[in-house]
Structure formats: structure tokens, C-alpha cells
Amino acid sequence: MSSPSPSICCVSCAPTAAALLAEVRRRRPLVHHLTNWVTISECAAVVRAFGAAPVMAHAVEEAAEMAALAGAVVLNIGTLDRTMIEAMKLAAAAANRKGIPVVLDACGAGATPFRDQACRELLAAARIDVLKGNASEIARLAGADVQTRGVDAGVVAADDLETLARGLAAARNATVVVTGKIDLVVAPDGTIYRVANGHPLMGECVGTGCMASSAIGTFAAVCPENLPAAAAAGLACYEIAAELAVPAVAGPADFKLRLLDAIHHLTPEDVARLVRI
């Protein structure tokens, strides 16, 4: 958008989201993860379901080389240790050198000092292009005194969250993604995309937040020149698939399997019909 002041994106984003899904299917980008051990299989599966190629290489001996081969790098601090942090720094720095987008899922930021310190180190060591988290995780990255319950969001007022997200995006010159009932995607210039797709059952399954980060990384790999649009499109496509999966499910475990099938079968026509950005 060309307005010099912060604004809300209210134009139809259906063509962009549908076209980017088609581009993911055409190009099949490699998406390198240093990610949460709890959800690593699901993250790989969602990338593959979109038609892209996942790789999960955590070793410090190869993290940089693998990152340099990828279309995007996804970092997730869900199951941290010191070796993982060092490998993330190497991967992010290698991606920076080649202009490859880096996505950071600040999973559990605000829960412990160690996680907060890890985020500070990663942000100091490399350029992070997309910062993603729930309300309290993003608020914590923005400097607010909030508490995250393990990896679940704490309470942040909606107006405060929008202000904090805009400030963080501007300060870091990064796209900031705040997941929730309505996801916020905030561009460095203050433009906000609101993604209203999805279903409450996603919140009942372990791993759906990490899978969302993988979806963002997948779409960032084919649209590095417009990361806010890529992030909004990735979230919308992922969440549209969830909507399509829900009518047939018996419960959370069944939902996760059917979600992957729905992503695999998702078409640009489905996206154009159902997208709510």
C-alpha cells in the first residue's frame, strides 16, 4: 500500500494468496528448519503437504551450509539448548549473506530468562526478517513486562498488542506476525494485514503454532520481496485448509491428520473463494 501513514489492508488479498500457493507448488522450495523437537515431524509434514521440501538440520557442523541451500530458514526456540542457539546463529548468518528470509518463532518467549536471552542473542547475531509468536511472546520481544504460560499466550490488551507489534516491526525493520483468533501481520511501515481464517480446533492441538511458522517460511521462500504479503498468504492458506478439514473430524488427533490432507488437496480456487484477509 502506498499510504505514508500506518493503515489497515482492506483490499482483497485473494489473488495474491492464491497465486503464491500456485507458486509454492510450482517451485517446491527447500525450507530449512532448526526447530522444536516436540513438533519437528509435523513441521516437516506441513511443508511437504504444501508441495515444498523440508529439511531439519540442527548440527552446528552443517547448519550454515544447509541454510545457504534453502529458500527460507525457520528458527523455533521451543526446545532450546545452548548448542541449538549456536547452530541457529550460524544458519541465520549464512541466510543473511545470501538474502534468504529468516523466520523466528519465539516459542515460549517471556516464560523463562533463558528463552528471553536466546531471543536477544539471535536478534543481535543476525537479521531476522519475520518475527512470529502469540500475543505475549511478541509483547515480550517488544519489551513489555508480560508472562507467557509455558508456550501458551498470556493476556495482552488488543490495543496494546497492536501498538507493540507496530513498534517492534519498525524497530527491527521486520515483519511481525501475531497469531490468535485473528492473526496480525505487521509490516515495517506499519501496514497491518488481519487474517481471519482458521478454526478454534487448531488451538486444541499441540503443534499447530509451529506448523504455522513452517507455512510462513514456505511462502516466504517464493516471495522474499514482499514478506508481509507472503506471511499473510501462508497463514491464510494454512488456516483455510483447517476450515476445510474440520467438518469430517472426530477430534484433535484426527484433525491433525485431516489438516495435512486438506493442505495437500488445497487449490488456488479454494483460496480465492475462502480467503479472509
C-alpha atoms as a PDB file:
ATOM      1  CA  MET A   1       0.000   0.000   0.000  1.00  0.00           C
ATOM      2  CA  SER A   2       1.233   3.454  -0.852  1.00  0.00           C
ATOM      3  CA  SER A   3      -0.205   5.493   2.029  1.00  0.00           C
ATOM      4  CA  PRO A   4       2.620   7.016   4.108  1.00  0.00           C
ATOM      5  CA  SER A   5       0.704   6.562   7.343  1.00  0.00           C
ATOM      6  CA  PRO A   6       0.023   3.209   9.058  1.00  0.00           C
ATOM      7  CA  SER A   7      -3.110   1.685   7.594  1.00  0.00           C
ATOM      8  CA  ILE A   8      -5.229  -1.440   7.592  1.00  0.00           C
ATOM      9  CA  CYS A   9      -5.114  -3.601   4.471  1.00  0.00           C
ATOM     10  CA  CYS A  10      -8.761  -3.875   3.465  1.00  0.00           C
ATOM     11  CA  VAL A  11      -8.371  -4.746  -0.221  1.00  0.00           C
ATOM     12  CA  SER A  12      -8.960  -8.300  -1.387  1.00  0.00           C
ATOM     13  CA  CYS A  13      -5.797 -10.368  -0.971  1.00  0.00           C
ATOM     14  CA  ALA A  14      -7.320 -13.417  -2.660  1.00  0.00           C
ATOM     15  CA  PRO A  15      -5.310 -13.087  -5.901  1.00  0.00           C
ATOM     16  CA  THR A  16      -2.023 -12.779  -4.005  1.00  0.00           C
ATOM     17  CA  ALA A  17      -2.690 -15.717  -1.661  1.00  0.00           C
ATOM     18  CA  ALA A  18      -3.951 -17.959  -4.460  1.00  0.00           C
ATOM     19  CA  ALA A  19      -1.059 -17.043  -6.750  1.00  0.00           C
ATOM     20  CA  LEU A  20       1.517 -17.682  -4.033  1.00  0.00           C
ATOM     21  CA  LEU A  21       0.065 -21.118  -3.318  1.00  0.00           C
ATOM     22  CA  ALA A  22       0.421 -21.909  -7.018  1.00  0.00           C
ATOM     23  CA  GLU A  23       3.998 -20.608  -6.927  1.00  0.00           C
ATOM     24  CA  VAL A  24       4.881 -22.830  -3.962  1.00  0.00           C
ATOM     25  CA  ARG A  25       3.524 -25.828  -5.863  1.00  0.00           C
ATOM     26  CA  ARG A  26       5.482 -24.849  -8.978  1.00  0.00           C
ATOM     27  CA  ARG A  27       8.834 -24.041  -7.381  1.00  0.00           C
ATOM     28  CA  ARG A  28       8.855 -26.551  -4.486  1.00  0.00           C
ATOM     29  CA  PRO A  29      11.308 -24.504  -2.368  1.00  0.00           C
ATOM     30  CA  LEU A  30      13.629 -26.026   0.209  1.00  0.00           C
ATOM     31  CA  VAL A  31      12.742 -24.795   3.713  1.00  0.00           C
ATOM     32  CA  HIS A  32      15.461 -25.332   6.324  1.00  0.00           C
ATOM     33  CA  HIS A  33      14.347 -25.700   9.954  1.00  0.00           C
ATOM     34  CA  LEU A  34      16.117 -25.554  13.278  1.00  0.00           C
ATOM     35  CA  THR A  35      13.015 -26.236  15.214  1.00  0.00           C
ATOM     36  CA  ASN A  36      11.098 -27.610  18.151  1.00  0.00           C
ATOM     37  CA  TRP A  37      11.769 -31.314  18.806  1.00  0.00           C
ATOM     38  CA  VAL A  38       8.177 -31.737  20.053  1.00  0.00           C
ATOM     39  CA  THR A  39       6.708 -30.751  16.674  1.00  0.00           C
ATOM     40  CA  ILE A  40       9.508 -31.368  14.180  1.00  0.00           C
ATOM     41  CA  SER A  41       7.642 -34.125  12.321  1.00  0.00           C
ATOM     42  CA  GLU A  42       4.507 -32.017  11.947  1.00  0.00           C
ATOM     43  CA  CYS A  43       6.539 -29.046  10.688  1.00  0.00           C
ATOM     44  CA  ALA A  44       8.191 -31.201   8.044  1.00  0.00           C
ATOM     45  CA  ALA A  45       4.841 -32.692   7.080  1.00  0.00           C
ATOM     46  CA  VAL A  46       3.107 -29.352   6.580  1.00  0.00           C
ATOM     47  CA  VAL A  47       5.896 -28.088   4.311  1.00  0.00           C
ATOM     48  CA  ARG A  48       5.683 -31.276   2.247  1.00  0.00           C
ATOM     49  CA  ALA A  49       1.874 -31.072   2.113  1.00  0.00           C
ATOM     50  CA  PHE A  50       2.140 -27.619   0.548  1.00  0.00           C
ATOM     51  CA  GLY A  51       4.402 -29.145  -2.094  1.00  0.00           C
ATOM     52  CA  ALA A  52       7.704 -27.784  -0.804  1.00  0.00           C
ATOM     53  CA  ALA A  53      10.749 -29.616   0.559  1.00  0.00           C
ATOM     54  CA  PRO A  54      11.563 -29.620   4.301  1.00  0.00           C
ATOM     55  CA  VAL A  55      14.988 -30.179   5.807  1.00  0.00           C
ATOM     56  CA  MET A  56      15.655 -30.341   9.552  1.00  0.00           C
ATOM     57  CA  ALA A  57      19.413 -29.912  10.066  1.00  0.00           C
ATOM     58  CA  HIS A  58      20.363 -28.886  13.607  1.00  0.00           C
ATOM     59  CA  ALA A  59      24.059 -29.771  13.797  1.00  0.00           C
ATOM     60  CA  VAL A  60      26.455 -26.853  14.126  1.00  0.00           C
ATOM     61  CA  GLU A  61      28.711 -28.662  11.649  1.00  0.00           C
ATOM     62  CA  GLU A  62      26.218 -28.214   8.786  1.00  0.00           C
ATOM     63  CA  ALA A  63      23.631 -25.612   9.820  1.00  0.00           C
ATOM     64  CA  ALA A  64      25.211 -22.814   7.773  1.00  0.00           C
ATOM     65  CA  GLU A  65      25.731 -24.885   4.630  1.00  0.00           C
ATOM     66  CA  MET A  66      22.176 -26.209   4.686  1.00  0.00           C
ATOM     67  CA  ALA A  67      20.778 -22.719   5.218  1.00  0.00           C
ATOM     68  CA  ALA A  68      22.677 -21.462   2.193  1.00  0.00           C
ATOM     69  CA  LEU A  69      20.901 -24.052   0.026  1.00  0.00           C
ATOM     70  CA  ALA A  70      17.408 -23.127   1.188  1.00  0.00           C
ATOM     71  CA  GLY A  71      14.741 -20.710   0.039  1.00  0.00           C
ATOM     72  CA  ALA A  72      13.923 -19.819   3.659  1.00  0.00           C
ATOM     73  CA  VAL A  73      15.161 -20.634   7.163  1.00  0.00           C
ATOM     74  CA  VAL A  74      12.756 -21.221  10.058  1.00  0.00           C
ATOM     75  CA  LEU A  75      14.052 -20.976  13.629  1.00  0.00           C
ATOM     76  CA  ASN A  76      11.876 -22.138  16.534  1.00  0.00           C
ATOM     77  CA  ILE A  77      13.051 -21.846  20.152  1.00  0.00           C
ATOM     78  CA  GLY A  78      10.512 -24.299  21.569  1.00  0.00           C
ATOM     79  CA  THR A  79      13.090 -26.846  22.795  1.00  0.00           C
ATOM     80  CA  LEU A  80      16.237 -24.841  23.341  1.00  0.00           C
ATOM     81  CA  ASP A  81      19.707 -25.724  24.431  1.00  0.00           C
ATOM     82  CA  ARG A  82      22.991 -23.844  24.067  1.00  0.00           C
ATOM     83  CA  THR A  83      24.140 -25.898  21.073  1.00  0.00           C
ATOM     84  CA  MET A  84      20.863 -25.232  19.275  1.00  0.00           C
ATOM     85  CA  ILE A  85      21.242 -21.489  19.799  1.00  0.00           C
ATOM     86  CA  GLU A  86      24.722 -21.526  18.295  1.00  0.00           C
ATOM     87  CA  ALA A  87      23.516 -23.540  15.312  1.00  0.00           C
ATOM     88  CA  MET A  88      20.668 -21.064  14.807  1.00  0.00           C
ATOM     89  CA  LYS A  89      23.121 -18.165  14.769  1.00  0.00           C
ATOM     90  CA  LEU A  90      25.224 -19.885  12.124  1.00  0.00           C
ATOM     91  CA  ALA A  91      22.211 -20.715   9.963  1.00  0.00           C
ATOM     92  CA  ALA A  92      20.735 -17.223  10.212  1.00  0.00           C
ATOM     93  CA  ALA A  93      24.044 -15.547   9.395  1.00  0.00           C
ATOM     94  CA  ALA A  94      24.519 -17.786   6.356  1.00  0.00           C
ATOM     95  CA  ALA A  95      20.984 -16.966   5.189  1.00  0.00           C
ATOM     96  CA  ASN A  96      21.662 -13.245   5.635  1.00  0.00           C
ATOM     97  CA  ARG A  97      24.730 -13.454   3.417  1.00  0.00           C
ATOM     98  CA  LYS A  98      22.627 -14.859   0.570  1.00  0.00           C
ATOM     99  CA  GLY A  99      19.479 -12.760   1.116  1.00  0.00           C
ATOM    100  CA  ILE A 100      17.444 -15.778   2.238  1.00  0.00           C
ATOM    101  CA  PRO A 101      14.462 -14.923   4.516  1.00  0.00           C
ATOM    102  CA  VAL A 102      14.789 -15.926   8.173  1.00  0.00           C
ATOM    103  CA  VAL A 103      11.679 -16.614  10.255  1.00  0.00           C
ATOM    104  CA  LEU A 104      11.931 -16.743  14.069  1.00  0.00           C
ATOM    105  CA  ASP A 105       9.152 -18.408  16.061  1.00  0.00           C
ATOM    106  CA  ALA A 106       9.666 -17.001  19.554  1.00  0.00           C
ATOM    107  CA  CYS A 107       8.008 -20.042  21.134  1.00  0.00           C
ATOM    108  CA  GLY A 108       7.788 -19.520  24.898  1.00  0.00           C
ATOM    109  CA  ALA A 109       9.448 -16.093  24.956  1.00  0.00           C
ATOM    110  CA  GLY A 110       8.529 -14.495  28.250  1.00  0.00           C
ATOM    111  CA  ALA A 111       8.332 -17.816  30.086  1.00  0.00           C
ATOM    112  CA  THR A 112      11.966 -18.018  31.309  1.00  0.00           C
ATOM    113  CA  PRO A 113      15.027 -15.775  31.296  1.00  0.00           C
ATOM    114  CA  PHE A 114      16.876 -18.345  29.164  1.00  0.00           C
ATOM    115  CA  ARG A 115      14.350 -18.018  26.325  1.00  0.00           C
ATOM    116  CA  ASP A 116      14.419 -14.253  26.532  1.00  0.00           C
ATOM    117  CA  GLN A 117      18.213 -14.280  26.390  1.00  0.00           C
ATOM    118  CA  ALA A 118      18.168 -16.631  23.401  1.00  0.00           C
ATOM    119  CA  CYS A 119      15.897 -14.236  21.514  1.00  0.00           C
ATOM    120  CA  ARG A 120      18.179 -11.315  22.313  1.00  0.00           C
ATOM    121  CA  GLU A 121      21.221 -13.253  21.115  1.00  0.00           C
ATOM    122  CA  LEU A 122      19.564 -14.296  17.860  1.00  0.00           C
ATOM    123  CA  LEU A 123      18.332 -10.783  17.140  1.00  0.00           C
ATOM    124  CA  ALA A 124      21.811  -9.408  17.811  1.00  0.00           C
ATOM    125  CA  ALA A 125      23.634 -12.047  15.779  1.00  0.00           C
ATOM    126  CA  ALA A 126      21.630 -11.885  12.553  1.00  0.00           C
ATOM    127  CA  ARG A 127      18.879 -10.113  10.697  1.00  0.00           C
ATOM    128  CA  ILE A 128      15.537 -11.743  11.426  1.00  0.00           C
ATOM    129  CA  ASP A 129      13.079 -10.990   8.637  1.00  0.00           C
ATOM    130  CA  VAL A 130       9.876 -12.369  10.195  1.00  0.00           C
ATOM    131  CA  LEU A 131       9.210 -12.431  13.941  1.00  0.00           C
ATOM    132  CA  LYS A 132       6.293 -14.695  14.835  1.00  0.00           C
ATOM    133  CA  GLY A 133       4.605 -15.501  18.133  1.00  0.00           C
ATOM    134  CA  ASN A 134       1.432 -15.352  20.146  1.00  0.00           C
ATOM    135  CA  ALA A 135       0.339 -12.179  21.908  1.00  0.00           C
ATOM    136  CA  SER A 136       2.563 -12.444  24.983  1.00  0.00           C
ATOM    137  CA  GLU A 137       5.587 -13.728  23.048  1.00  0.00           C
ATOM    138  CA  ILE A 138       5.504 -10.769  20.684  1.00  0.00           C
ATOM    139  CA  ALA A 139       4.820  -8.348  23.523  1.00  0.00           C
ATOM    140  CA  ARG A 140       7.853  -9.738  25.335  1.00  0.00           C
ATOM    141  CA  LEU A 141      10.065  -9.295  22.262  1.00  0.00           C
ATOM    142  CA  ALA A 142       8.821  -5.718  22.103  1.00  0.00           C
ATOM    143  CA  GLY A 143       9.994  -5.120  25.675  1.00  0.00           C
ATOM    144  CA  ALA A 144       6.723  -5.413  27.584  1.00  0.00           C
ATOM    145  CA  ASP A 145       6.667  -6.914  31.080  1.00  0.00           C
ATOM    146  CA  VAL A 146       4.392  -9.874  30.327  1.00  0.00           C
ATOM    147  CA  GLN A 147       4.451 -13.539  31.270  1.00  0.00           C
ATOM    148  CA  THR A 148       3.974 -16.466  28.890  1.00  0.00           C
ATOM    149  CA  ARG A 149       2.430 -19.629  30.379  1.00  0.00           C
ATOM    150  CA  GLY A 150       4.890 -22.225  29.096  1.00  0.00           C
ATOM    151  CA  VAL A 151       4.228 -21.823  25.390  1.00  0.00           C
ATOM    152  CA  ASP A 152       0.649 -20.526  25.768  1.00  0.00           C
ATOM    153  CA  ALA A 153      -0.209 -16.866  25.402  1.00  0.00           C
ATOM    154  CA  GLY A 154      -0.586 -14.604  28.396  1.00  0.00           C
ATOM    155  CA  VAL A 155      -3.062 -11.715  28.435  1.00  0.00           C
ATOM    156  CA  VAL A 156      -2.235  -8.604  26.387  1.00  0.00           C
ATOM    157  CA  ALA A 157      -4.844  -5.945  25.616  1.00  0.00           C
ATOM    158  CA  ALA A 158      -5.667  -5.749  21.894  1.00  0.00           C
ATOM    159  CA  ASP A 159      -4.823  -2.050  21.542  1.00  0.00           C
ATOM    160  CA  ASP A 160      -1.552  -2.501  23.413  1.00  0.00           C
ATOM    161  CA  LEU A 161      -0.671  -5.519  21.259  1.00  0.00           C
ATOM    162  CA  GLU A 162      -1.169  -3.629  18.012  1.00  0.00           C
ATOM    163  CA  THR A 163       0.978  -0.763  19.257  1.00  0.00           C
ATOM    164  CA  LEU A 164       3.706  -3.113  20.475  1.00  0.00           C
ATOM    165  CA  ALA A 165       3.700  -5.087  17.226  1.00  0.00           C
ATOM    166  CA  ARG A 166       3.970  -1.943  15.128  1.00  0.00           C
ATOM    167  CA  GLY A 167       6.789  -0.646  17.287  1.00  0.00           C
ATOM    168  CA  LEU A 168       8.665  -3.951  17.081  1.00  0.00           C
ATOM    169  CA  ALA A 169       8.237  -4.144  13.296  1.00  0.00           C
ATOM    170  CA  ALA A 170       9.578  -0.622  12.865  1.00  0.00           C
ATOM    171  CA  ALA A 171      12.454  -1.043  15.322  1.00  0.00           C
ATOM    172  CA  ARG A 172      13.620  -4.315  13.768  1.00  0.00           C
ATOM    173  CA  ASN A 173      12.671  -3.457  10.164  1.00  0.00           C
ATOM    174  CA  ALA A 174      10.961  -6.836  10.148  1.00  0.00           C
ATOM    175  CA  THR A 175       7.569  -8.356   9.517  1.00  0.00           C
ATOM    176  CA  VAL A 176       5.864  -9.173  12.817  1.00  0.00           C
ATOM    177  CA  VAL A 177       3.241 -11.925  12.955  1.00  0.00           C
ATOM    178  CA  VAL A 178       0.946 -12.250  15.971  1.00  0.00           C
ATOM    179  CA  THR A 179      -1.173 -15.389  15.929  1.00  0.00           C
ATOM    180  CA  GLY A 180      -4.566 -15.535  17.590  1.00  0.00           C
ATOM    181  CA  LYS A 181      -8.265 -15.666  16.820  1.00  0.00           C
ATOM    182  CA  ILE A 182      -7.468 -13.070  14.171  1.00  0.00           C
ATOM    183  CA  ASP A 183      -3.818 -13.074  13.152  1.00  0.00           C
ATOM    184  CA  LEU A 184      -1.976  -9.783  12.723  1.00  0.00           C
ATOM    185  CA  VAL A 185       0.771  -9.415  10.137  1.00  0.00           C
ATOM    186  CA  VAL A 186       2.527  -6.083  10.633  1.00  0.00           C
ATOM    187  CA  ALA A 187       4.875  -4.664   8.017  1.00  0.00           C
ATOM    188  CA  PRO A 188       7.835  -2.441   8.930  1.00  0.00           C
ATOM    189  CA  ASP A 189       5.929   0.594   7.579  1.00  0.00           C
ATOM    190  CA  GLY A 190       3.027  -0.106   9.966  1.00  0.00           C
ATOM    191  CA  THR A 191       0.637  -1.638   7.442  1.00  0.00           C
ATOM    192  CA  ILE A 192      -1.421  -4.397   9.062  1.00  0.00           C
ATOM    193  CA  TYR A 193      -2.918  -7.468   7.411  1.00  0.00           C
ATOM    194  CA  ARG A 194      -5.577  -9.201   9.509  1.00  0.00           C
ATOM    195  CA  VAL A 195      -6.044 -12.873   8.704  1.00  0.00           C
ATOM    196  CA  ALA A 196      -9.445 -14.116   9.860  1.00  0.00           C
ATOM    197  CA  ASN A 197      -9.307 -17.692   8.580  1.00  0.00           C
ATOM    198  CA  GLY A 198      -8.893 -20.727  10.808  1.00  0.00           C
ATOM    199  CA  HIS A 199     -10.892 -22.747  13.335  1.00  0.00           C
ATOM    200  CA  PRO A 200     -10.881 -22.989  17.171  1.00  0.00           C
ATOM    201  CA  LEU A 201      -9.912 -26.669  16.979  1.00  0.00           C
ATOM    202  CA  MET A 202      -6.436 -25.549  15.925  1.00  0.00           C
ATOM    203  CA  GLY A 203      -5.911 -24.334  19.488  1.00  0.00           C
ATOM    204  CA  GLU A 204      -6.679 -27.804  20.860  1.00  0.00           C
ATOM    205  CA  CYS A 205      -3.781 -29.469  19.016  1.00  0.00           C
ATOM    206  CA  VAL A 206      -0.130 -29.422  20.019  1.00  0.00           C
ATOM    207  CA  GLY A 207       1.994 -28.162  17.147  1.00  0.00           C
ATOM    208  CA  THR A 208      -0.365 -26.012  15.105  1.00  0.00           C
ATOM    209  CA  GLY A 209       1.537 -22.840  16.007  1.00  0.00           C
ATOM    210  CA  CYS A 210       4.858 -24.360  14.954  1.00  0.00           C
ATOM    211  CA  MET A 211       3.234 -25.607  11.758  1.00  0.00           C
ATOM    212  CA  ALA A 212       2.054 -22.061  11.066  1.00  0.00           C
ATOM    213  CA  SER A 213       5.673 -20.872  11.203  1.00  0.00           C
ATOM    214  CA  SER A 214       6.599 -23.535   8.662  1.00  0.00           C
ATOM    215  CA  ALA A 215       3.775 -22.343   6.406  1.00  0.00           C
ATOM    216  CA  ILE A 216       5.078 -18.777   6.679  1.00  0.00           C
ATOM    217  CA  GLY A 217       8.598 -19.919   5.825  1.00  0.00           C
ATOM    218  CA  THR A 218       7.317 -21.887   2.834  1.00  0.00           C
ATOM    219  CA  PHE A 219       5.556 -18.870   1.356  1.00  0.00           C
ATOM    220  CA  ALA A 220       8.415 -16.505   2.240  1.00  0.00           C
ATOM    221  CA  ALA A 221      10.689 -18.693   0.135  1.00  0.00           C
ATOM    222  CA  VAL A 222       8.731 -17.843  -3.031  1.00  0.00           C
ATOM    223  CA  CYS A 223       8.032 -14.187  -2.197  1.00  0.00           C
ATOM    224  CA  PRO A 224      11.069 -12.752  -0.363  1.00  0.00           C
ATOM    225  CA  GLU A 225      10.464  -9.338  -1.912  1.00  0.00           C
ATOM    226  CA  ASN A 226       7.151  -8.911  -0.016  1.00  0.00           C
ATOM    227  CA  LEU A 227       7.345 -10.791   3.269  1.00  0.00           C
ATOM    228  CA  PRO A 228       4.210  -9.264   4.850  1.00  0.00           C
ATOM    229  CA  ALA A 229       2.130 -10.472   1.897  1.00  0.00           C
ATOM    230  CA  ALA A 230       3.877 -13.845   1.960  1.00  0.00           C
ATOM    231  CA  ALA A 231       3.247 -14.299   5.686  1.00  0.00           C
ATOM    232  CA  ALA A 232      -0.417 -13.339   5.378  1.00  0.00           C
ATOM    233  CA  ALA A 233      -0.865 -15.669   2.405  1.00  0.00           C
ATOM    234  CA  GLY A 234       0.863 -18.571   4.146  1.00  0.00           C
ATOM    235  CA  LEU A 235      -1.283 -18.199   7.240  1.00  0.00           C
ATOM    236  CA  ALA A 236      -4.475 -17.842   5.217  1.00  0.00           C
ATOM    237  CA  CYS A 237      -3.797 -20.927   3.092  1.00  0.00           C
ATOM    238  CA  TYR A 238      -2.884 -22.986   6.163  1.00  0.00           C
ATOM    239  CA  GLU A 239      -5.986 -21.849   8.023  1.00  0.00           C
ATOM    240  CA  ILE A 240      -8.308 -22.301   5.045  1.00  0.00           C
ATOM    241  CA  ALA A 241      -7.143 -25.911   4.925  1.00  0.00           C
ATOM    242  CA  ALA A 242      -8.074 -26.198   8.604  1.00  0.00           C
ATOM    243  CA  GLU A 243     -11.566 -24.921   7.842  1.00  0.00           C
ATOM    244  CA  LEU A 244     -11.937 -27.482   5.065  1.00  0.00           C
ATOM    245  CA  ALA A 245     -10.697 -30.301   7.311  1.00  0.00           C
ATOM    246  CA  VAL A 246     -12.961 -29.637  10.287  1.00  0.00           C
ATOM    247  CA  PRO A 247     -16.358 -30.953   9.079  1.00  0.00           C
ATOM    248  CA  ALA A 248     -15.064 -34.525   8.816  1.00  0.00           C
ATOM    249  CA  VAL A 249     -13.017 -34.763  12.025  1.00  0.00           C
ATOM    250  CA  ALA A 250     -13.706 -36.780  15.164  1.00  0.00           C
ATOM    251  CA  GLY A 251     -11.330 -34.881  17.456  1.00  0.00           C
ATOM    252  CA  PRO A 252      -7.901 -33.228  17.747  1.00  0.00           C
ATOM    253  CA  ALA A 253      -5.812 -36.237  16.664  1.00  0.00           C
ATOM    254  CA  ASP A 254      -8.000 -36.869  13.639  1.00  0.00           C
ATOM    255  CA  PHE A 255      -7.974 -33.156  12.851  1.00  0.00           C
ATOM    256  CA  LYS A 256      -4.190 -33.016  12.559  1.00  0.00           C
ATOM    257  CA  LEU A 257      -4.152 -35.836  10.005  1.00  0.00           C
ATOM    258  CA  ARG A 258      -7.024 -34.384   8.011  1.00  0.00           C
ATOM    259  CA  LEU A 259      -5.389 -30.947   8.104  1.00  0.00           C
ATOM    260  CA  LEU A 260      -2.367 -32.320   6.262  1.00  0.00           C
ATOM    261  CA  ASP A 261      -4.628 -33.950   3.687  1.00  0.00           C
ATOM    262  CA  ALA A 262      -6.557 -30.699   3.262  1.00  0.00           C
ATOM    263  CA  ILE A 263      -3.323 -28.758   2.694  1.00  0.00           C
ATOM    264  CA  HIS A 264      -2.233 -31.342   0.130  1.00  0.00           C
ATOM    265  CA  HIS A 265      -5.517 -31.006  -1.771  1.00  0.00           C
ATOM    266  CA  LEU A 266      -5.868 -27.225  -1.364  1.00  0.00           C
ATOM    267  CA  THR A 267      -6.245 -25.379  -4.668  1.00  0.00           C
ATOM    268  CA  PRO A 268      -5.785 -21.728  -5.623  1.00  0.00           C
ATOM    269  CA  GLU A 269      -9.513 -21.717  -6.385  1.00  0.00           C
ATOM    270  CA  ASP A 270     -10.272 -22.779  -2.784  1.00  0.00           C
ATOM    271  CA  VAL A 271      -8.080 -19.944  -1.540  1.00  0.00           C
ATOM    272  CA  ALA A 272      -9.644 -17.316  -3.798  1.00  0.00           C
ATOM    273  CA  ARG A 273     -13.101 -18.395  -2.615  1.00  0.00           C
ATOM    274  CA  LEU A 274     -12.426 -18.615   1.122  1.00  0.00           C
ATOM    275  CA  VAL A 275      -9.598 -16.201   1.983  1.00  0.00           C
ATOM    276  CA  ARG A 276     -10.378 -13.572   4.627  1.00  0.00           C
ATOM    277  CA  ILE A 277      -7.511 -11.064   4.768  1.00  0.00           C
END
